[in-house]
N, C-alpha and C. Protein backbone atom coordinates (compact mmCIF):
# COMPACT_ATOMS: atom_id res chain seq x y z
N MET A 1 15.71 16.83 5.37
CA MET A 1 16.55 15.65 5.58
C MET A 1 15.68 14.40 5.56
N GLU A 2 16.08 13.42 4.78
CA GLU A 2 15.30 12.18 4.66
C GLU A 2 15.49 11.32 5.90
N SER A 3 14.40 10.70 6.33
CA SER A 3 14.48 9.83 7.50
C SER A 3 15.18 8.52 7.14
N GLU A 4 15.61 7.83 8.18
CA GLU A 4 16.26 6.55 7.98
C GLU A 4 15.29 5.56 7.34
N PRO A 5 15.81 4.63 6.55
CA PRO A 5 14.93 3.63 5.94
C PRO A 5 14.25 2.76 7.01
N MET A 6 13.07 2.29 6.66
CA MET A 6 12.32 1.41 7.55
C MET A 6 12.13 0.07 6.87
N VAL A 7 12.20 -0.99 7.66
CA VAL A 7 11.89 -2.33 7.17
C VAL A 7 10.44 -2.61 7.55
N PHE A 8 9.62 -2.86 6.54
CA PHE A 8 8.22 -3.20 6.74
C PHE A 8 8.11 -4.72 6.64
N VAL A 9 7.62 -5.35 7.69
CA VAL A 9 7.50 -6.80 7.74
C VAL A 9 6.03 -7.17 7.65
N ILE A 10 5.71 -8.12 6.75
CA ILE A 10 4.35 -8.64 6.64
C ILE A 10 4.42 -10.13 6.93
N ASP A 11 3.86 -10.50 8.09
CA ASP A 11 3.86 -11.91 8.50
C ASP A 11 2.72 -12.10 9.48
N ASP A 12 1.90 -13.12 9.24
CA ASP A 12 0.76 -13.36 10.12
C ASP A 12 1.13 -14.12 11.39
N ASN A 13 2.41 -14.46 11.53
CA ASN A 13 2.89 -15.16 12.72
C ASN A 13 3.50 -14.13 13.68
N PRO A 14 2.82 -13.84 14.81
CA PRO A 14 3.33 -12.83 15.74
C PRO A 14 4.74 -13.13 16.26
N ARG A 15 5.06 -14.40 16.49
CA ARG A 15 6.40 -14.75 17.00
C ARG A 15 7.48 -14.44 15.97
N ALA A 16 7.18 -14.69 14.70
CA ALA A 16 8.15 -14.37 13.65
C ALA A 16 8.38 -12.87 13.59
N CYS A 17 7.30 -12.09 13.69
CA CYS A 17 7.44 -10.63 13.69
C CYS A 17 8.26 -10.16 14.88
N GLU A 18 7.96 -10.68 16.05
CA GLU A 18 8.71 -10.29 17.26
C GLU A 18 10.19 -10.60 17.11
N SER A 19 10.51 -11.73 16.52
CA SER A 19 11.90 -12.13 16.33
C SER A 19 12.62 -11.16 15.38
N VAL A 20 11.98 -10.84 14.27
CA VAL A 20 12.58 -9.92 13.31
C VAL A 20 12.74 -8.54 13.93
N VAL A 21 11.73 -8.07 14.62
CA VAL A 21 11.80 -6.76 15.26
C VAL A 21 12.96 -6.71 16.25
N ALA A 22 13.08 -7.71 17.11
CA ALA A 22 14.17 -7.73 18.09
C ALA A 22 15.53 -7.73 17.41
N SER A 23 15.65 -8.53 16.36
CA SER A 23 16.91 -8.62 15.63
C SER A 23 17.29 -7.27 15.00
N LEU A 24 16.32 -6.61 14.39
CA LEU A 24 16.61 -5.34 13.72
C LEU A 24 16.82 -4.20 14.71
N TRP A 25 16.11 -4.21 15.82
CA TRP A 25 16.33 -3.19 16.84
C TRP A 25 17.75 -3.26 17.38
N ARG A 26 18.28 -4.49 17.52
CA ARG A 26 19.67 -4.63 17.97
C ARG A 26 20.63 -3.97 16.98
N LYS A 27 20.24 -3.92 15.73
CA LYS A 27 21.06 -3.29 14.69
C LYS A 27 20.68 -1.82 14.50
N GLN A 28 19.78 -1.34 15.34
CA GLN A 28 19.30 0.05 15.31
C GLN A 28 18.65 0.39 13.98
N VAL A 29 17.83 -0.53 13.49
CA VAL A 29 17.09 -0.35 12.25
C VAL A 29 15.62 -0.17 12.60
N SER A 30 14.98 0.81 11.98
CA SER A 30 13.54 1.02 12.19
C SER A 30 12.77 -0.10 11.51
N VAL A 31 11.78 -0.61 12.21
CA VAL A 31 11.00 -1.74 11.68
C VAL A 31 9.55 -1.61 12.13
N ARG A 32 8.65 -2.04 11.27
CA ARG A 32 7.24 -2.06 11.61
C ARG A 32 6.61 -3.31 11.02
N CYS A 33 5.86 -4.03 11.86
CA CYS A 33 5.22 -5.28 11.43
C CYS A 33 3.75 -5.09 11.13
N PHE A 34 3.29 -5.87 10.18
CA PHE A 34 1.87 -5.92 9.81
C PHE A 34 1.48 -7.40 9.73
N SER A 35 0.29 -7.71 10.20
CA SER A 35 -0.15 -9.11 10.22
C SER A 35 -0.76 -9.57 8.89
N SER A 36 -0.99 -8.64 7.97
CA SER A 36 -1.54 -9.01 6.66
C SER A 36 -1.14 -7.96 5.63
N THR A 37 -1.23 -8.36 4.38
CA THR A 37 -0.93 -7.44 3.28
C THR A 37 -1.89 -6.27 3.28
N GLU A 38 -3.16 -6.56 3.52
CA GLU A 38 -4.17 -5.49 3.53
C GLU A 38 -3.90 -4.48 4.65
N LYS A 39 -3.52 -4.96 5.83
CA LYS A 39 -3.19 -4.04 6.92
C LYS A 39 -1.98 -3.19 6.56
N PHE A 40 -1.02 -3.79 5.89
CA PHE A 40 0.14 -3.04 5.43
C PHE A 40 -0.29 -1.94 4.46
N LEU A 41 -1.07 -2.31 3.44
CA LEU A 41 -1.49 -1.34 2.44
C LEU A 41 -2.33 -0.21 3.04
N ASP A 42 -3.08 -0.53 4.09
CA ASP A 42 -3.91 0.48 4.75
C ASP A 42 -3.10 1.38 5.69
N GLY A 43 -1.97 0.89 6.21
CA GLY A 43 -1.33 1.61 7.30
C GLY A 43 0.11 2.05 7.16
N PHE A 44 0.76 1.82 6.02
CA PHE A 44 2.16 2.21 5.95
C PHE A 44 2.31 3.61 5.34
N ASP A 45 3.38 4.26 5.70
CA ASP A 45 3.69 5.60 5.21
C ASP A 45 4.33 5.48 3.83
N ARG A 46 3.59 5.86 2.81
CA ARG A 46 4.05 5.71 1.43
C ARG A 46 5.23 6.61 1.08
N THR A 47 5.55 7.57 1.93
CA THR A 47 6.68 8.46 1.66
C THR A 47 7.97 7.95 2.31
N ARG A 48 7.87 6.92 3.10
CA ARG A 48 9.03 6.39 3.85
C ARG A 48 9.82 5.45 2.97
N SER A 49 11.12 5.63 2.92
CA SER A 49 11.96 4.73 2.15
C SER A 49 12.27 3.49 2.99
N GLY A 50 12.73 2.45 2.34
CA GLY A 50 13.08 1.23 3.05
C GLY A 50 12.91 0.02 2.18
N CYS A 51 12.49 -1.08 2.80
CA CYS A 51 12.26 -2.31 2.06
C CYS A 51 11.17 -3.13 2.76
N LEU A 52 10.69 -4.13 2.05
CA LEU A 52 9.65 -5.03 2.54
C LEU A 52 10.23 -6.41 2.79
N LEU A 53 9.78 -7.04 3.87
CA LEU A 53 10.10 -8.42 4.17
C LEU A 53 8.76 -9.13 4.30
N VAL A 54 8.42 -9.97 3.31
CA VAL A 54 7.07 -10.51 3.19
C VAL A 54 7.08 -12.03 3.27
N ASP A 55 6.21 -12.56 4.14
CA ASP A 55 5.99 -14.01 4.22
C ASP A 55 5.14 -14.41 3.01
N ILE A 56 5.67 -15.22 2.12
CA ILE A 56 4.92 -15.58 0.92
C ILE A 56 3.80 -16.58 1.20
N GLU A 57 3.77 -17.10 2.40
CA GLU A 57 2.68 -17.99 2.78
C GLU A 57 1.51 -17.20 3.36
N ALA A 58 1.69 -15.89 3.54
CA ALA A 58 0.65 -15.05 4.14
C ALA A 58 -0.53 -14.92 3.18
N ASP A 59 -1.55 -14.23 3.66
CA ASP A 59 -2.78 -14.11 2.90
C ASP A 59 -2.62 -13.32 1.61
N GLU A 60 -3.70 -13.27 0.84
CA GLU A 60 -3.69 -12.55 -0.43
C GLU A 60 -3.64 -11.06 -0.17
N PRO A 61 -3.22 -10.23 -1.08
CA PRO A 61 -2.71 -10.61 -2.39
C PRO A 61 -1.31 -11.22 -2.30
N SER A 62 -0.96 -11.94 -3.35
CA SER A 62 0.36 -12.57 -3.37
C SER A 62 1.44 -11.50 -3.43
N SER A 63 2.68 -11.92 -3.20
CA SER A 63 3.78 -10.96 -3.22
C SER A 63 3.90 -10.29 -4.59
N SER A 64 3.64 -11.03 -5.67
CA SER A 64 3.73 -10.41 -7.00
C SER A 64 2.60 -9.41 -7.20
N GLN A 65 1.40 -9.72 -6.68
CA GLN A 65 0.29 -8.76 -6.76
C GLN A 65 0.58 -7.53 -5.90
N LEU A 66 1.19 -7.74 -4.75
CA LEU A 66 1.56 -6.63 -3.89
C LEU A 66 2.58 -5.74 -4.60
N HIS A 67 3.58 -6.35 -5.22
CA HIS A 67 4.60 -5.60 -5.96
C HIS A 67 3.95 -4.77 -7.07
N GLU A 68 3.03 -5.37 -7.81
CA GLU A 68 2.33 -4.66 -8.88
C GLU A 68 1.54 -3.47 -8.33
N ARG A 69 0.86 -3.69 -7.23
CA ARG A 69 0.06 -2.61 -6.64
C ARG A 69 0.94 -1.46 -6.18
N LEU A 70 2.07 -1.77 -5.57
CA LEU A 70 2.99 -0.72 -5.13
C LEU A 70 3.55 0.04 -6.33
N GLU A 71 3.85 -0.66 -7.41
CA GLU A 71 4.33 0.01 -8.62
C GLU A 71 3.27 0.94 -9.18
N GLU A 72 2.01 0.50 -9.18
CA GLU A 72 0.91 1.35 -9.65
C GLU A 72 0.81 2.63 -8.83
N GLU A 73 1.11 2.54 -7.55
CA GLU A 73 1.05 3.70 -6.66
C GLU A 73 2.38 4.46 -6.62
N HIS A 74 3.34 4.04 -7.45
CA HIS A 74 4.67 4.66 -7.52
C HIS A 74 5.40 4.62 -6.18
N VAL A 75 5.26 3.48 -5.50
CA VAL A 75 5.96 3.24 -4.24
C VAL A 75 7.08 2.25 -4.54
N ASP A 76 8.32 2.70 -4.30
CA ASP A 76 9.47 1.85 -4.61
C ASP A 76 10.06 1.27 -3.33
N LEU A 77 9.62 0.06 -3.00
CA LEU A 77 10.15 -0.65 -1.84
C LEU A 77 10.67 -2.01 -2.31
N PRO A 78 11.99 -2.21 -2.33
CA PRO A 78 12.49 -3.53 -2.69
C PRO A 78 11.88 -4.58 -1.75
N MET A 79 11.52 -5.71 -2.32
CA MET A 79 10.83 -6.76 -1.57
C MET A 79 11.70 -8.00 -1.40
N ILE A 80 11.76 -8.46 -0.16
CA ILE A 80 12.41 -9.72 0.18
C ILE A 80 11.28 -10.66 0.58
N VAL A 81 11.26 -11.85 0.02
CA VAL A 81 10.24 -12.81 0.41
C VAL A 81 10.86 -13.89 1.29
N MET A 82 10.05 -14.39 2.19
CA MET A 82 10.51 -15.46 3.08
C MET A 82 9.47 -16.57 3.07
N GLY A 83 9.94 -17.80 3.17
CA GLY A 83 9.04 -18.94 3.17
C GLY A 83 9.78 -20.21 3.51
N LYS A 84 9.03 -21.28 3.52
CA LYS A 84 9.61 -22.58 3.85
C LYS A 84 10.45 -23.12 2.70
N ASN A 85 11.43 -23.92 3.07
CA ASN A 85 12.28 -24.56 2.07
C ASN A 85 11.69 -25.91 1.71
N ASP A 86 10.50 -25.87 1.12
CA ASP A 86 9.86 -27.09 0.63
C ASP A 86 9.41 -26.83 -0.80
N GLU A 87 8.79 -27.82 -1.43
CA GLU A 87 8.41 -27.70 -2.83
C GLU A 87 7.50 -26.49 -3.07
N ARG A 88 6.51 -26.32 -2.23
CA ARG A 88 5.57 -25.20 -2.38
C ARG A 88 6.28 -23.86 -2.13
N GLY A 89 7.11 -23.81 -1.10
CA GLY A 89 7.83 -22.58 -0.77
C GLY A 89 8.76 -22.15 -1.88
N VAL A 90 9.48 -23.11 -2.44
CA VAL A 90 10.41 -22.79 -3.53
C VAL A 90 9.64 -22.32 -4.77
N ALA A 91 8.52 -22.99 -5.08
CA ALA A 91 7.70 -22.56 -6.23
C ALA A 91 7.19 -21.14 -6.02
N ASN A 92 6.73 -20.83 -4.81
CA ASN A 92 6.26 -19.48 -4.51
C ASN A 92 7.41 -18.47 -4.59
N ALA A 93 8.58 -18.88 -4.16
CA ALA A 93 9.75 -17.99 -4.21
C ALA A 93 10.12 -17.67 -5.66
N VAL A 94 10.08 -18.67 -6.51
CA VAL A 94 10.39 -18.44 -7.93
C VAL A 94 9.41 -17.43 -8.52
N LYS A 95 8.12 -17.60 -8.24
CA LYS A 95 7.11 -16.65 -8.72
C LYS A 95 7.39 -15.25 -8.20
N ALA A 96 7.72 -15.16 -6.92
CA ALA A 96 7.99 -13.86 -6.31
C ALA A 96 9.21 -13.20 -6.94
N MET A 97 10.26 -13.96 -7.18
CA MET A 97 11.46 -13.40 -7.79
C MET A 97 11.16 -12.95 -9.23
N GLN A 98 10.37 -13.72 -9.95
CA GLN A 98 9.98 -13.31 -11.30
C GLN A 98 9.09 -12.07 -11.25
N GLY A 99 8.38 -11.89 -10.15
CA GLY A 99 7.50 -10.73 -9.98
C GLY A 99 8.19 -9.51 -9.41
N GLY A 100 9.50 -9.58 -9.20
CA GLY A 100 10.21 -8.40 -8.76
C GLY A 100 10.88 -8.46 -7.40
N ALA A 101 10.72 -9.55 -6.66
CA ALA A 101 11.39 -9.65 -5.36
C ALA A 101 12.90 -9.67 -5.57
N VAL A 102 13.65 -9.08 -4.62
CA VAL A 102 15.10 -9.01 -4.75
C VAL A 102 15.82 -10.18 -4.08
N ASP A 103 15.12 -10.88 -3.18
CA ASP A 103 15.77 -11.99 -2.49
C ASP A 103 14.72 -12.91 -1.88
N PHE A 104 15.16 -14.13 -1.57
CA PHE A 104 14.32 -15.12 -0.90
C PHE A 104 15.13 -15.69 0.26
N ILE A 105 14.51 -15.70 1.44
CA ILE A 105 15.16 -16.32 2.60
C ILE A 105 14.22 -17.36 3.18
N THR A 106 14.82 -18.43 3.69
CA THR A 106 14.01 -19.55 4.17
C THR A 106 13.74 -19.44 5.66
N LYS A 107 12.60 -20.00 6.03
CA LYS A 107 12.22 -20.12 7.44
C LYS A 107 12.64 -21.49 7.91
N PRO A 108 13.06 -21.66 9.12
CA PRO A 108 13.17 -20.63 10.14
C PRO A 108 14.26 -19.63 9.77
N LEU A 109 14.01 -18.37 10.10
CA LEU A 109 14.91 -17.29 9.74
C LEU A 109 16.16 -17.29 10.61
N SER A 110 17.25 -16.92 10.00
CA SER A 110 18.48 -16.69 10.78
C SER A 110 18.71 -15.19 10.81
N GLU A 111 19.22 -14.71 11.92
CA GLU A 111 19.48 -13.27 12.04
C GLU A 111 20.43 -12.81 10.94
N HIS A 112 21.47 -13.60 10.68
CA HIS A 112 22.43 -13.24 9.64
C HIS A 112 21.78 -13.19 8.26
N GLY A 113 20.94 -14.18 7.96
CA GLY A 113 20.26 -14.23 6.65
C GLY A 113 19.34 -13.04 6.44
N VAL A 114 18.58 -12.69 7.47
CA VAL A 114 17.67 -11.55 7.38
C VAL A 114 18.47 -10.27 7.16
N TRP A 115 19.51 -10.08 7.97
CA TRP A 115 20.30 -8.86 7.88
C TRP A 115 20.99 -8.74 6.52
N SER A 116 21.54 -9.83 6.01
CA SER A 116 22.20 -9.81 4.69
C SER A 116 21.22 -9.43 3.59
N SER A 117 20.03 -9.99 3.64
CA SER A 117 19.02 -9.67 2.63
C SER A 117 18.56 -8.23 2.71
N ILE A 118 18.39 -7.73 3.91
CA ILE A 118 17.96 -6.33 4.08
C ILE A 118 19.04 -5.39 3.56
N LYS A 119 20.30 -5.66 3.89
CA LYS A 119 21.39 -4.81 3.38
C LYS A 119 21.40 -4.82 1.85
N LYS A 120 21.20 -5.99 1.27
CA LYS A 120 21.17 -6.11 -0.20
C LYS A 120 20.02 -5.27 -0.78
N ALA A 121 18.85 -5.36 -0.18
CA ALA A 121 17.68 -4.61 -0.68
C ALA A 121 17.88 -3.11 -0.54
N LEU A 122 18.41 -2.68 0.59
CA LEU A 122 18.62 -1.24 0.80
C LEU A 122 19.73 -0.71 -0.11
N LYS A 123 20.75 -1.53 -0.35
CA LYS A 123 21.82 -1.12 -1.26
C LYS A 123 21.26 -0.98 -2.68
N GLN A 124 20.41 -1.90 -3.09
CA GLN A 124 19.80 -1.82 -4.42
C GLN A 124 18.96 -0.55 -4.52
N ARG A 125 18.23 -0.24 -3.46
CA ARG A 125 17.39 0.96 -3.48
C ARG A 125 18.24 2.20 -3.65
N LYS A 126 19.34 2.30 -2.92
CA LYS A 126 20.23 3.46 -3.05
C LYS A 126 20.79 3.54 -4.46
N ARG A 127 21.17 2.41 -5.02
CA ARG A 127 21.72 2.38 -6.38
C ARG A 127 20.66 2.84 -7.38
N ASP A 128 19.41 2.41 -7.19
CA ASP A 128 18.32 2.81 -8.09
C ASP A 128 17.99 4.29 -7.98
N GLU A 129 18.23 4.88 -6.80
CA GLU A 129 17.91 6.29 -6.59
C GLU A 129 18.97 7.23 -7.15
N GLN A 130 20.18 6.73 -7.41
CA GLN A 130 21.25 7.59 -7.93
C GLN A 130 20.90 8.07 -9.33
N PRO A 131 21.15 9.36 -9.60
CA PRO A 131 20.85 9.88 -10.93
C PRO A 131 21.69 9.19 -11.99
N LYS A 132 21.08 8.94 -13.11
CA LYS A 132 21.78 8.32 -14.22
C LYS A 132 22.60 9.39 -14.94
N LEU A 133 23.83 9.08 -15.25
CA LEU A 133 24.69 10.01 -15.97
C LEU A 133 24.41 9.90 -17.46
N SER A 134 24.25 11.03 -18.12
CA SER A 134 24.03 11.00 -19.57
C SER A 134 25.36 11.07 -20.27
N ARG A 135 25.41 10.56 -21.45
CA ARG A 135 26.66 10.53 -22.23
C ARG A 135 26.75 11.75 -23.07
């Protein structure tokens, strides 16, 4: 039996992580935070299904580089990027979306916005996992 999906959060701001964790726990969703991309890559369970919630202002590698690395390792985690609603944040969001991110949410985060994006990412993952019917 497959375990419930997990939301992996990458954000170097401990308060932002605490807020997301509290919000998702209220929804009874498994969540794990990492303070950097490298810590995530070193410590996450590659067999666990779920999605990623990544601060695009966090350290290197960028979200598009992270997406590429996960693809190379055959890890399929839909990625949601979060960032500021300013010129730099929007430019980074566009790059992330072109690099494979499924959604962009702005900071400060709203519980509703986070939850909507996570549902969208998990729904996409389920749709991608369904066997393709041949004609």
